[in-house]
Amino acid sequence: MTYSGEVTVGGPADVHELKDLMITKIAVGPMNNNAYLLRCRATDEQLLIDAAAEAQALLGTIGDDGIASVVTTHRHGDHWQALAEVVAATGARTYAGREDAEGIPVPTDVPVDDGDVVRVGNVELTARHLVGHTPGSIALVYDDPHGHPHVFTGDCLFPGGPGRTTQIENFQSLMGGLEAKVFTLPDETWIYPGHGNDTTLGDERPHLQEWWARGW
């Protein structure tokens, strides 16, 4: 089956099969949050991005092999509702952006800064600190050596624009960070957001000036 990235709460997960990495996307919770389970194909180690809600659904997706780590993309509550239960069940290490860690009620084992590498088995994900949606939001970049990059953006980038900001200064900071740290990647780069459908940088790049002009 071809991966579409279109998932619904209560529906089946969708799996993106790359040469070195398996990416399983599932939608959970009342705010239609996306959670992503990454599995290194060489070692079978797993990492979860955003234990957002519905711990039992997430644990069912994780399966008996468990997870080594869970990354929370940012401090907003809809992205960590199931974190405590998932960590208690799996013993996973917790990662979050350094500036957002204090806003997450589960202790962060590994505070993440811009440029830090988060590993899942033999696969490396590079963190990009994006200030604006929250002070410590992070995106994770997997630069696939066999293809194009893949980026897990949390709520910093969606189809149609950046994530919500409450002040113009925050919007400007987020847009500047996206342009400097994400839109420098090629058009084929696949974007996995915190809610809703996936997109590519090529689909979004032509609209950057529109976003600047509208201010959101």
N, C-alpha and C. Protein backbone atom coordinates (compact mmCIF):
# COMPACT_ATOMS: atom_id res chain seq x y z
N MET A 1 0.84 -1.19 0.00
CA MET A 1 0.00 0.00 0.00
C MET A 1 0.88 1.25 0.00
N THR A 2 0.47 2.23 -0.78
CA THR A 2 1.19 3.49 -0.84
C THR A 2 0.84 4.34 0.38
N TYR A 3 1.86 4.93 1.00
CA TYR A 3 1.64 5.79 2.16
C TYR A 3 0.99 7.10 1.72
N SER A 4 -0.08 7.49 2.43
CA SER A 4 -0.75 8.76 2.13
C SER A 4 -0.61 9.76 3.27
N GLY A 5 -0.42 9.27 4.48
CA GLY A 5 -0.38 10.16 5.64
C GLY A 5 -1.75 10.62 6.10
N GLU A 6 -2.81 10.07 5.52
CA GLU A 6 -4.17 10.44 5.90
C GLU A 6 -4.70 9.43 6.92
N VAL A 7 -4.82 9.85 8.17
CA VAL A 7 -5.29 8.98 9.23
C VAL A 7 -6.40 9.68 10.00
N THR A 8 -7.26 8.90 10.64
CA THR A 8 -8.34 9.45 11.43
C THR A 8 -8.35 8.82 12.81
N VAL A 9 -8.84 9.55 13.80
CA VAL A 9 -8.93 9.03 15.15
C VAL A 9 -9.83 7.81 15.16
N GLY A 10 -9.35 6.72 15.72
CA GLY A 10 -10.09 5.48 15.75
C GLY A 10 -9.88 4.61 14.53
N GLY A 11 -9.23 5.15 13.52
CA GLY A 11 -8.96 4.40 12.31
C GLY A 11 -7.59 3.76 12.33
N PRO A 12 -7.25 3.05 11.25
CA PRO A 12 -5.95 2.38 11.21
C PRO A 12 -4.80 3.36 11.06
N ALA A 13 -3.63 2.91 11.48
CA ALA A 13 -2.40 3.67 11.27
C ALA A 13 -2.00 3.58 9.80
N ASP A 14 -1.13 4.48 9.39
CA ASP A 14 -0.56 4.43 8.04
C ASP A 14 0.95 4.29 8.21
N VAL A 15 1.57 3.48 7.38
CA VAL A 15 2.99 3.17 7.55
C VAL A 15 3.77 3.62 6.32
N HIS A 16 4.80 4.44 6.56
CA HIS A 16 5.71 4.90 5.51
C HIS A 16 6.98 4.06 5.62
N GLU A 17 7.21 3.21 4.65
CA GLU A 17 8.35 2.29 4.70
C GLU A 17 9.53 2.88 3.92
N LEU A 18 10.57 3.27 4.66
CA LEU A 18 11.81 3.73 4.06
C LEU A 18 12.83 2.60 4.16
N LYS A 19 13.95 2.76 3.50
CA LYS A 19 14.94 1.68 3.48
C LYS A 19 15.48 1.37 4.87
N ASP A 20 15.76 2.41 5.66
CA ASP A 20 16.36 2.21 6.99
C ASP A 20 15.38 2.45 8.13
N LEU A 21 14.21 3.00 7.83
CA LEU A 21 13.31 3.46 8.89
C LEU A 21 11.85 3.18 8.51
N MET A 22 11.10 2.69 9.48
CA MET A 22 9.66 2.53 9.34
C MET A 22 8.99 3.64 10.14
N ILE A 23 8.06 4.36 9.52
CA ILE A 23 7.35 5.46 10.17
C ILE A 23 5.87 5.11 10.21
N THR A 24 5.33 4.92 11.41
CA THR A 24 3.92 4.60 11.58
C THR A 24 3.22 5.83 12.15
N LYS A 25 2.20 6.29 11.44
CA LYS A 25 1.44 7.48 11.84
C LYS A 25 0.07 7.06 12.34
N ILE A 26 -0.32 7.58 13.51
CA ILE A 26 -1.62 7.29 14.08
C ILE A 26 -2.22 8.59 14.61
N ALA A 27 -3.54 8.75 14.45
CA ALA A 27 -4.24 9.92 14.98
C ALA A 27 -4.95 9.54 16.27
N VAL A 28 -4.84 10.41 17.28
CA VAL A 28 -5.40 10.13 18.60
C VAL A 28 -5.99 11.39 19.20
N GLY A 29 -6.99 11.19 20.08
CA GLY A 29 -7.47 12.26 20.93
C GLY A 29 -8.47 13.20 20.30
N PRO A 30 -9.09 14.05 21.14
CA PRO A 30 -10.15 14.95 20.69
C PRO A 30 -9.67 16.07 19.78
N MET A 31 -8.35 16.32 19.74
CA MET A 31 -7.82 17.37 18.88
C MET A 31 -7.12 16.80 17.65
N ASN A 32 -7.40 15.52 17.37
CA ASN A 32 -6.87 14.89 16.15
C ASN A 32 -5.36 15.04 16.06
N ASN A 33 -4.70 14.66 17.16
CA ASN A 33 -3.23 14.74 17.18
C ASN A 33 -2.61 13.58 16.43
N ASN A 34 -1.49 13.85 15.80
CA ASN A 34 -0.69 12.78 15.18
C ASN A 34 0.40 12.34 16.14
N ALA A 35 0.58 11.03 16.24
CA ALA A 35 1.74 10.45 16.91
C ALA A 35 2.48 9.60 15.88
N TYR A 36 3.80 9.60 15.97
CA TYR A 36 4.61 8.90 14.99
C TYR A 36 5.53 7.91 15.71
N LEU A 37 5.43 6.64 15.31
CA LEU A 37 6.31 5.60 15.84
C LEU A 37 7.39 5.31 14.80
N LEU A 38 8.65 5.53 15.18
CA LEU A 38 9.78 5.30 14.29
C LEU A 38 10.48 4.01 14.70
N ARG A 39 10.78 3.17 13.73
CA ARG A 39 11.43 1.89 13.99
C ARG A 39 12.65 1.74 13.08
N CYS A 40 13.82 1.59 13.69
CA CYS A 40 15.04 1.33 12.92
C CYS A 40 14.96 -0.08 12.36
N ARG A 41 15.10 -0.21 11.07
CA ARG A 41 14.93 -1.51 10.44
C ARG A 41 16.12 -2.43 10.70
N ALA A 42 17.28 -1.86 11.04
CA ALA A 42 18.46 -2.68 11.30
C ALA A 42 18.46 -3.26 12.71
N THR A 43 17.96 -2.49 13.69
CA THR A 43 18.05 -2.89 15.09
C THR A 43 16.70 -3.18 15.74
N ASP A 44 15.62 -2.75 15.11
CA ASP A 44 14.26 -2.86 15.64
C ASP A 44 14.01 -1.95 16.84
N GLU A 45 14.96 -1.07 17.18
CA GLU A 45 14.69 -0.10 18.24
C GLU A 45 13.61 0.87 17.77
N GLN A 46 12.75 1.31 18.72
CA GLN A 46 11.65 2.20 18.38
C GLN A 46 11.69 3.49 19.20
N LEU A 47 11.17 4.55 18.59
CA LEU A 47 11.05 5.86 19.21
C LEU A 47 9.67 6.40 18.88
N LEU A 48 9.02 7.02 19.86
CA LEU A 48 7.71 7.62 19.65
C LEU A 48 7.83 9.14 19.68
N ILE A 49 7.22 9.79 18.71
CA ILE A 49 7.14 11.25 18.69
C ILE A 49 5.73 11.64 19.11
N ASP A 50 5.61 12.32 20.24
CA ASP A 50 4.38 12.86 20.82
C ASP A 50 3.41 11.77 21.30
N ALA A 51 3.49 11.47 22.59
CA ALA A 51 2.51 10.60 23.25
C ALA A 51 1.31 11.48 23.58
N ALA A 52 0.54 11.79 22.56
CA ALA A 52 -0.43 12.88 22.65
C ALA A 52 -1.66 12.54 23.47
N ALA A 53 -2.22 11.34 23.27
CA ALA A 53 -3.46 10.94 23.93
C ALA A 53 -3.66 9.45 23.70
N GLU A 54 -4.70 8.90 24.35
CA GLU A 54 -5.07 7.50 24.13
C GLU A 54 -3.88 6.55 24.30
N ALA A 55 -3.41 6.47 25.53
CA ALA A 55 -2.22 5.67 25.81
C ALA A 55 -2.37 4.24 25.33
N GLN A 56 -3.54 3.64 25.51
CA GLN A 56 -3.70 2.25 25.11
C GLN A 56 -3.59 2.07 23.60
N ALA A 57 -4.10 3.03 22.85
CA ALA A 57 -3.95 2.96 21.39
C ALA A 57 -2.48 3.08 21.00
N LEU A 58 -1.75 3.96 21.67
CA LEU A 58 -0.33 4.12 21.37
C LEU A 58 0.45 2.87 21.75
N LEU A 59 0.16 2.32 22.92
CA LEU A 59 0.86 1.11 23.35
C LEU A 59 0.54 -0.07 22.45
N GLY A 60 -0.68 -0.12 21.94
CA GLY A 60 -1.02 -1.17 20.99
C GLY A 60 -0.24 -1.04 19.70
N THR A 61 -0.02 0.20 19.26
CA THR A 61 0.78 0.43 18.06
C THR A 61 2.25 0.10 18.32
N ILE A 62 2.74 0.45 19.49
CA ILE A 62 4.13 0.16 19.85
C ILE A 62 4.39 -1.34 19.89
N GLY A 63 3.47 -2.09 20.45
CA GLY A 63 3.60 -3.55 20.50
C GLY A 63 4.53 -4.03 21.59
N ASP A 64 4.83 -5.31 21.54
CA ASP A 64 5.59 -5.96 22.61
C ASP A 64 7.06 -5.56 22.65
N ASP A 65 7.58 -4.99 21.56
CA ASP A 65 9.00 -4.62 21.53
C ASP A 65 9.28 -3.35 22.33
N GLY A 66 8.24 -2.60 22.67
CA GLY A 66 8.44 -1.40 23.46
C GLY A 66 9.12 -0.28 22.69
N ILE A 67 9.42 0.78 23.39
CA ILE A 67 10.15 1.91 22.80
C ILE A 67 11.32 2.26 23.70
N ALA A 68 12.39 2.73 23.08
CA ALA A 68 13.56 3.17 23.84
C ALA A 68 13.41 4.61 24.30
N SER A 69 12.65 5.40 23.54
CA SER A 69 12.57 6.83 23.83
C SER A 69 11.28 7.41 23.28
N VAL A 70 10.90 8.54 23.86
CA VAL A 70 9.74 9.30 23.38
C VAL A 70 10.11 10.77 23.38
N VAL A 71 9.86 11.42 22.25
CA VAL A 71 10.17 12.84 22.07
C VAL A 71 8.86 13.62 22.09
N THR A 72 8.81 14.67 22.91
CA THR A 72 7.67 15.58 22.92
C THR A 72 8.08 16.83 22.16
N THR A 73 7.35 17.14 21.09
CA THR A 73 7.77 18.24 20.22
C THR A 73 7.63 19.61 20.87
N HIS A 74 6.64 19.75 21.78
CA HIS A 74 6.49 21.02 22.49
C HIS A 74 5.56 20.85 23.68
N ARG A 75 5.45 21.90 24.46
CA ARG A 75 4.84 21.83 25.79
C ARG A 75 3.32 21.83 25.80
N HIS A 76 2.64 22.10 24.72
CA HIS A 76 1.18 22.18 24.76
C HIS A 76 0.55 20.86 25.17
N GLY A 77 -0.46 20.94 26.04
CA GLY A 77 -1.00 19.77 26.71
C GLY A 77 -1.54 18.70 25.80
N ASP A 78 -2.03 19.07 24.63
CA ASP A 78 -2.58 18.04 23.75
C ASP A 78 -1.50 17.14 23.17
N HIS A 79 -0.24 17.45 23.39
CA HIS A 79 0.85 16.63 22.86
C HIS A 79 1.50 15.73 23.91
N TRP A 80 1.01 15.77 25.15
CA TRP A 80 1.62 14.90 26.17
C TRP A 80 0.60 14.25 27.11
N GLN A 81 -0.66 14.20 26.74
CA GLN A 81 -1.67 13.64 27.64
C GLN A 81 -1.40 12.17 28.02
N ALA A 82 -0.82 11.43 27.09
CA ALA A 82 -0.55 10.00 27.35
C ALA A 82 0.90 9.75 27.74
N LEU A 83 1.70 10.79 27.92
CA LEU A 83 3.13 10.59 28.13
C LEU A 83 3.43 9.83 29.41
N ALA A 84 2.81 10.20 30.51
CA ALA A 84 3.11 9.53 31.78
C ALA A 84 2.79 8.04 31.71
N GLU A 85 1.65 7.71 31.12
CA GLU A 85 1.25 6.30 31.06
C GLU A 85 2.15 5.52 30.12
N VAL A 86 2.52 6.11 29.00
CA VAL A 86 3.40 5.42 28.05
C VAL A 86 4.78 5.20 28.66
N VAL A 87 5.31 6.21 29.33
CA VAL A 87 6.62 6.07 29.97
C VAL A 87 6.58 5.03 31.09
N ALA A 88 5.51 5.03 31.88
CA ALA A 88 5.39 4.05 32.96
C ALA A 88 5.34 2.63 32.41
N ALA A 89 4.70 2.46 31.24
CA ALA A 89 4.56 1.12 30.67
C ALA A 89 5.80 0.63 29.95
N THR A 90 6.62 1.56 29.46
CA THR A 90 7.75 1.18 28.60
C THR A 90 9.12 1.48 29.19
N GLY A 91 9.18 2.37 30.18
CA GLY A 91 10.48 2.78 30.71
C GLY A 91 11.29 3.63 29.75
N ALA A 92 10.62 4.25 28.77
CA ALA A 92 11.32 5.01 27.74
C ALA A 92 11.99 6.26 28.31
N ARG A 93 13.13 6.63 27.71
CA ARG A 93 13.76 7.92 27.98
C ARG A 93 12.89 9.02 27.36
N THR A 94 12.85 10.16 28.02
CA THR A 94 12.06 11.27 27.52
C THR A 94 12.95 12.40 27.01
N TYR A 95 12.55 12.95 25.88
CA TYR A 95 13.26 14.06 25.24
C TYR A 95 12.27 15.20 24.99
N ALA A 96 12.74 16.43 25.13
CA ALA A 96 11.95 17.60 24.78
C ALA A 96 12.89 18.79 24.63
N GLY A 97 12.44 19.81 23.92
CA GLY A 97 13.22 21.02 23.79
C GLY A 97 13.51 21.63 25.16
N ARG A 98 14.72 22.08 25.35
CA ARG A 98 15.15 22.55 26.68
C ARG A 98 14.22 23.63 27.23
N GLU A 99 13.82 24.56 26.39
CA GLU A 99 13.01 25.69 26.85
C GLU A 99 11.56 25.31 27.15
N ASP A 100 11.13 24.14 26.69
CA ASP A 100 9.76 23.69 26.96
C ASP A 100 9.67 22.63 28.04
N ALA A 101 10.79 22.10 28.48
CA ALA A 101 10.77 20.96 29.41
C ALA A 101 10.02 21.28 30.69
N GLU A 102 10.16 22.48 31.21
CA GLU A 102 9.50 22.82 32.48
C GLU A 102 7.98 22.86 32.35
N GLY A 103 7.47 22.98 31.14
CA GLY A 103 6.03 23.02 30.92
C GLY A 103 5.42 21.66 30.65
N ILE A 104 6.21 20.61 30.73
CA ILE A 104 5.73 19.24 30.51
C ILE A 104 5.77 18.52 31.85
N PRO A 105 4.63 17.98 32.33
CA PRO A 105 4.58 17.46 33.69
C PRO A 105 5.29 16.13 33.92
N VAL A 106 5.81 15.53 32.88
CA VAL A 106 6.64 14.34 33.01
C VAL A 106 8.10 14.78 32.88
N PRO A 107 8.98 14.42 33.82
CA PRO A 107 10.36 14.88 33.75
C PRO A 107 11.02 14.54 32.41
N THR A 108 11.79 15.49 31.90
CA THR A 108 12.52 15.30 30.65
C THR A 108 13.91 14.77 30.97
N ASP A 109 14.20 13.56 30.53
CA ASP A 109 15.51 12.97 30.80
C ASP A 109 16.61 13.64 30.00
N VAL A 110 16.30 14.01 28.76
CA VAL A 110 17.30 14.58 27.87
C VAL A 110 16.77 15.89 27.27
N PRO A 111 17.17 17.05 27.82
CA PRO A 111 16.80 18.32 27.21
C PRO A 111 17.50 18.47 25.86
N VAL A 112 16.78 18.94 24.87
CA VAL A 112 17.29 18.98 23.50
C VAL A 112 17.52 20.42 23.06
N ASP A 113 18.68 20.68 22.47
CA ASP A 113 19.02 21.98 21.92
C ASP A 113 19.13 21.89 20.40
N ASP A 114 19.15 23.04 19.76
CA ASP A 114 19.26 23.08 18.30
C ASP A 114 20.52 22.35 17.83
N GLY A 115 20.34 21.46 16.87
CA GLY A 115 21.47 20.71 16.32
C GLY A 115 21.78 19.41 17.03
N ASP A 116 21.13 19.16 18.17
CA ASP A 116 21.35 17.89 18.86
C ASP A 116 20.85 16.73 18.02
N VAL A 117 21.49 15.58 18.19
CA VAL A 117 21.10 14.37 17.48
C VAL A 117 20.35 13.44 18.43
N VAL A 118 19.18 12.99 17.99
CA VAL A 118 18.39 11.99 18.71
C VAL A 118 18.44 10.71 17.88
N ARG A 119 18.82 9.62 18.49
CA ARG A 119 19.02 8.37 17.75
C ARG A 119 17.91 7.37 18.04
N VAL A 120 17.56 6.64 17.00
CA VAL A 120 16.71 5.46 17.15
C VAL A 120 17.41 4.34 16.40
N GLY A 121 18.06 3.45 17.17
CA GLY A 121 18.90 2.44 16.55
C GLY A 121 20.04 3.09 15.79
N ASN A 122 20.18 2.74 14.50
CA ASN A 122 21.24 3.30 13.67
C ASN A 122 20.84 4.60 12.97
N VAL A 123 19.62 5.03 13.18
CA VAL A 123 19.09 6.21 12.49
C VAL A 123 19.29 7.45 13.36
N GLU A 124 19.70 8.54 12.73
CA GLU A 124 19.92 9.80 13.44
C GLU A 124 18.89 10.84 13.01
N LEU A 125 18.32 11.52 14.00
CA LEU A 125 17.40 12.63 13.78
C LEU A 125 18.05 13.89 14.35
N THR A 126 18.07 14.95 13.58
CA THR A 126 18.68 16.20 14.03
C THR A 126 17.59 17.17 14.47
N ALA A 127 17.73 17.70 15.68
CA ALA A 127 16.73 18.61 16.23
C ALA A 127 16.94 20.01 15.69
N ARG A 128 15.83 20.68 15.39
CA ARG A 128 15.84 22.09 15.00
C ARG A 128 14.93 22.85 15.95
N HIS A 129 15.52 23.76 16.71
CA HIS A 129 14.79 24.57 17.68
C HIS A 129 14.08 25.69 16.93
N LEU A 130 12.76 25.75 17.07
CA LEU A 130 11.93 26.74 16.39
C LEU A 130 11.13 27.51 17.43
N VAL A 131 11.44 28.77 17.59
CA VAL A 131 10.81 29.60 18.63
C VAL A 131 9.62 30.34 18.03
N GLY A 132 8.47 30.28 18.71
CA GLY A 132 7.33 31.05 18.24
C GLY A 132 6.01 30.43 18.63
N HIS A 133 5.78 29.18 18.22
CA HIS A 133 4.57 28.50 18.67
C HIS A 133 4.65 28.26 20.17
N THR A 134 5.81 27.82 20.63
CA THR A 134 6.19 27.81 22.04
C THR A 134 7.67 28.20 22.11
N PRO A 135 8.19 28.48 23.30
CA PRO A 135 9.61 28.86 23.38
C PRO A 135 10.57 27.74 23.01
N GLY A 136 10.16 26.48 23.21
CA GLY A 136 11.10 25.38 23.04
C GLY A 136 10.68 24.33 22.03
N SER A 137 9.80 24.68 21.10
CA SER A 137 9.39 23.70 20.09
C SER A 137 10.59 23.17 19.32
N ILE A 138 10.55 21.88 19.01
CA ILE A 138 11.59 21.29 18.17
C ILE A 138 10.96 20.53 17.02
N ALA A 139 11.64 20.59 15.89
CA ALA A 139 11.36 19.72 14.75
C ALA A 139 12.50 18.71 14.68
N LEU A 140 12.20 17.53 14.15
CA LEU A 140 13.21 16.49 14.00
C LEU A 140 13.40 16.18 12.52
N VAL A 141 14.63 16.25 12.06
CA VAL A 141 14.96 16.07 10.65
C VAL A 141 15.68 14.73 10.47
N TYR A 142 15.09 13.88 9.63
CA TYR A 142 15.77 12.65 9.23
C TYR A 142 16.23 12.84 7.79
N ASP A 143 17.53 12.97 7.61
CA ASP A 143 18.11 13.16 6.27
C ASP A 143 18.41 11.78 5.71
N ASP A 144 17.42 11.22 5.04
CA ASP A 144 17.51 9.84 4.54
C ASP A 144 18.66 9.71 3.54
N PRO A 145 19.67 8.89 3.81
CA PRO A 145 20.79 8.76 2.87
C PRO A 145 20.38 8.10 1.56
N HIS A 146 19.21 7.50 1.52
CA HIS A 146 18.74 6.81 0.31
C HIS A 146 17.68 7.61 -0.44
N GLY A 147 17.38 8.82 0.04
CA GLY A 147 16.31 9.60 -0.59
C GLY A 147 16.29 11.01 -0.07
N HIS A 148 15.09 11.57 0.04
CA HIS A 148 14.94 12.96 0.48
C HIS A 148 14.75 13.03 2.00
N PRO A 149 14.89 14.22 2.59
CA PRO A 149 14.69 14.36 4.03
C PRO A 149 13.22 14.18 4.43
N HIS A 150 13.05 13.87 5.70
CA HIS A 150 11.74 13.75 6.33
C HIS A 150 11.80 14.57 7.62
N VAL A 151 10.78 15.42 7.85
CA VAL A 151 10.81 16.33 8.99
C VAL A 151 9.52 16.21 9.79
N PHE A 152 9.66 15.99 11.09
CA PHE A 152 8.54 15.94 12.02
C PHE A 152 8.46 17.31 12.70
N THR A 153 7.43 18.08 12.34
CA THR A 153 7.42 19.51 12.67
C THR A 153 6.59 19.87 13.89
N GLY A 154 5.95 18.89 14.56
CA GLY A 154 5.08 19.27 15.66
C GLY A 154 4.02 20.24 15.16
N ASP A 155 3.82 21.33 15.90
CA ASP A 155 2.84 22.33 15.48
C ASP A 155 3.50 23.56 14.87
N CYS A 156 4.72 23.41 14.35
CA CYS A 156 5.41 24.57 13.77
C CYS A 156 5.12 24.77 12.29
N LEU A 157 4.77 23.70 11.59
CA LEU A 157 4.47 23.83 10.16
C LEU A 157 3.41 22.81 9.77
N PHE A 158 2.39 23.31 9.07
CA PHE A 158 1.29 22.50 8.57
C PHE A 158 1.09 22.76 7.08
N PRO A 159 0.29 21.95 6.40
CA PRO A 159 -0.15 22.34 5.06
C PRO A 159 -0.89 23.68 5.16
N GLY A 160 -0.39 24.67 4.46
CA GLY A 160 -1.07 25.97 4.46
C GLY A 160 -0.49 27.00 5.39
N GLY A 161 0.55 26.67 6.15
CA GLY A 161 1.16 27.72 6.94
C GLY A 161 1.80 27.26 8.23
N PRO A 162 2.38 28.21 8.97
CA PRO A 162 3.03 27.89 10.24
C PRO A 162 1.99 27.66 11.32
N GLY A 163 2.44 27.14 12.46
CA GLY A 163 1.55 26.93 13.59
C GLY A 163 1.08 28.24 14.20
N ARG A 164 0.09 28.12 15.07
CA ARG A 164 -0.53 29.29 15.68
C ARG A 164 0.47 30.04 16.57
N THR A 165 0.43 31.36 16.48
CA THR A 165 1.19 32.22 17.38
C THR A 165 0.25 33.30 17.92
N THR A 166 0.58 33.85 19.08
CA THR A 166 -0.32 34.81 19.72
C THR A 166 0.15 36.25 19.59
N GLN A 167 1.39 36.47 19.18
CA GLN A 167 1.92 37.82 19.02
C GLN A 167 2.70 37.89 17.72
N ILE A 168 2.75 39.06 17.12
CA ILE A 168 3.43 39.21 15.84
C ILE A 168 4.92 38.87 15.98
N GLU A 169 5.49 39.18 17.13
CA GLU A 169 6.90 38.86 17.34
C GLU A 169 7.12 37.34 17.30
N ASN A 170 6.19 36.59 17.86
CA ASN A 170 6.30 35.14 17.83
C ASN A 170 6.15 34.59 16.42
N PHE A 171 5.21 35.17 15.66
CA PHE A 171 5.03 34.77 14.27
C PHE A 171 6.30 35.03 13.48
N GLN A 172 6.89 36.21 13.66
CA GLN A 172 8.10 36.55 12.92
C GLN A 172 9.25 35.62 13.29
N SER A 173 9.34 35.27 14.57
CA SER A 173 10.39 34.35 15.02
C SER A 173 10.19 32.98 14.40
N LEU A 174 8.95 32.48 14.41
CA LEU A 174 8.68 31.15 13.86
C LEU A 174 8.95 31.12 12.37
N MET A 175 8.49 32.13 11.65
CA MET A 175 8.72 32.16 10.21
C MET A 175 10.21 32.25 9.89
N GLY A 176 10.93 33.08 10.65
CA GLY A 176 12.36 33.19 10.43
C GLY A 176 13.07 31.87 10.67
N GLY A 177 12.65 31.17 11.73
CA GLY A 177 13.25 29.87 12.03
C GLY A 177 12.94 28.84 10.96
N LEU A 178 11.69 28.82 10.48
CA LEU A 178 11.33 27.88 9.42
C LEU A 178 12.14 28.14 8.16
N GLU A 179 12.27 29.40 7.80
CA GLU A 179 13.03 29.71 6.58
C GLU A 179 14.50 29.35 6.73
N ALA A 180 15.07 29.56 7.92
CA ALA A 180 16.50 29.33 8.11
C ALA A 180 16.85 27.86 8.36
N LYS A 181 15.90 27.10 8.94
CA LYS A 181 16.24 25.76 9.42
C LYS A 181 15.46 24.63 8.76
N VAL A 182 14.37 24.95 8.08
CA VAL A 182 13.55 23.92 7.46
C VAL A 182 13.47 24.13 5.95
N PHE A 183 13.13 25.33 5.51
CA PHE A 183 12.96 25.57 4.08
C PHE A 183 14.28 25.63 3.31
N THR A 184 15.39 25.45 3.99
CA THR A 184 16.68 25.27 3.31
C THR A 184 16.80 23.85 2.74
N LEU A 185 15.91 22.96 3.16
CA LEU A 185 15.92 21.58 2.65
C LEU A 185 15.23 21.54 1.28
N PRO A 186 15.42 20.46 0.51
CA PRO A 186 14.89 20.42 -0.86
C PRO A 186 13.37 20.29 -0.90
N ASP A 187 12.81 20.59 -2.06
CA ASP A 187 11.36 20.57 -2.24
C ASP A 187 10.75 19.21 -1.93
N GLU A 188 11.50 18.14 -2.16
CA GLU A 188 10.96 16.79 -1.96
C GLU A 188 10.81 16.43 -0.48
N THR A 189 11.34 17.27 0.41
CA THR A 189 11.29 16.99 1.84
C THR A 189 9.85 16.76 2.31
N TRP A 190 9.63 15.64 2.98
CA TRP A 190 8.30 15.26 3.46
C TRP A 190 8.09 15.83 4.87
N ILE A 191 6.93 16.47 5.07
CA ILE A 191 6.61 17.10 6.35
C ILE A 191 5.52 16.32 7.06
N TYR A 192 5.81 15.93 8.32
CA TYR A 192 4.87 15.21 9.16
C TYR A 192 4.45 16.15 10.30
N PRO A 193 3.26 16.74 10.24
CA PRO A 193 2.87 17.72 11.26
C PRO A 193 2.20 17.08 12.47
N GLY A 194 1.95 17.90 13.47
CA GLY A 194 1.35 17.43 14.71
C GLY A 194 -0.14 17.17 14.64
N HIS A 195 -0.79 17.68 13.61
CA HIS A 195 -2.21 17.45 13.38
C HIS A 195 -2.43 17.36 11.87
N GLY A 196 -3.37 16.55 11.44
CA GLY A 196 -3.81 16.58 10.06
C GLY A 196 -2.88 15.89 9.09
N ASN A 197 -3.06 16.23 7.81
CA ASN A 197 -2.36 15.55 6.73
C ASN A 197 -0.92 16.03 6.58
N ASP A 198 -0.13 15.22 5.92
CA ASP A 198 1.26 15.56 5.62
C ASP A 198 1.31 16.53 4.44
N THR A 199 2.51 17.03 4.18
CA THR A 199 2.74 17.88 3.02
C THR A 199 4.21 17.74 2.61
N THR A 200 4.64 18.52 1.64
CA THR A 200 6.05 18.60 1.27
C THR A 200 6.47 20.06 1.25
N LEU A 201 7.77 20.29 1.37
CA LEU A 201 8.25 21.67 1.30
C LEU A 201 7.97 22.29 -0.06
N GLY A 202 8.02 21.47 -1.12
CA GLY A 202 7.74 21.98 -2.44
C GLY A 202 6.33 22.51 -2.58
N ASP A 203 5.38 21.86 -1.91
CA ASP A 203 4.00 22.33 -1.95
C ASP A 203 3.82 23.63 -1.17
N GLU A 204 4.60 23.81 -0.11
CA GLU A 204 4.42 24.98 0.75
C GLU A 204 5.29 26.17 0.38
N ARG A 205 6.45 25.93 -0.21
CA ARG A 205 7.41 27.01 -0.47
C ARG A 205 6.84 28.18 -1.26
N PRO A 206 6.01 27.95 -2.29
CA PRO A 206 5.50 29.09 -3.07
C PRO A 206 4.64 30.05 -2.26
N HIS A 207 4.21 29.65 -1.06
CA HIS A 207 3.28 30.46 -0.29
C HIS A 207 3.94 31.23 0.85
N LEU A 208 5.26 31.16 0.95
CA LEU A 208 5.94 31.80 2.07
C LEU A 208 5.63 33.29 2.16
N GLN A 209 5.69 33.98 1.04
CA GLN A 209 5.43 35.43 1.08
C GLN A 209 3.98 35.73 1.42
N GLU A 210 3.06 34.87 1.01
CA GLU A 210 1.66 35.03 1.41
C GLU A 210 1.53 34.96 2.92
N TRP A 211 2.23 34.01 3.53
CA TRP A 211 2.15 33.86 4.99
C TRP A 211 2.72 35.09 5.69
N TRP A 212 3.85 35.56 5.19
CA TRP A 212 4.43 36.78 5.78
C TRP A 212 3.44 37.94 5.68
N ALA A 213 2.79 38.06 4.52
CA ALA A 213 1.90 39.19 4.30
C ALA A 213 0.65 39.13 5.20
N ARG A 214 0.12 37.94 5.43
CA ARG A 214 -1.09 37.83 6.24
C ARG A 214 -0.79 37.85 7.74
N GLY A 215 0.45 37.48 8.11
CA GLY A 215 0.86 37.56 9.51
C GLY A 215 0.44 36.41 10.38
N TRP A 216 0.10 35.27 9.73
CA TRP A 216 -0.23 34.06 10.49
C TRP A 216 -0.07 32.84 9.61
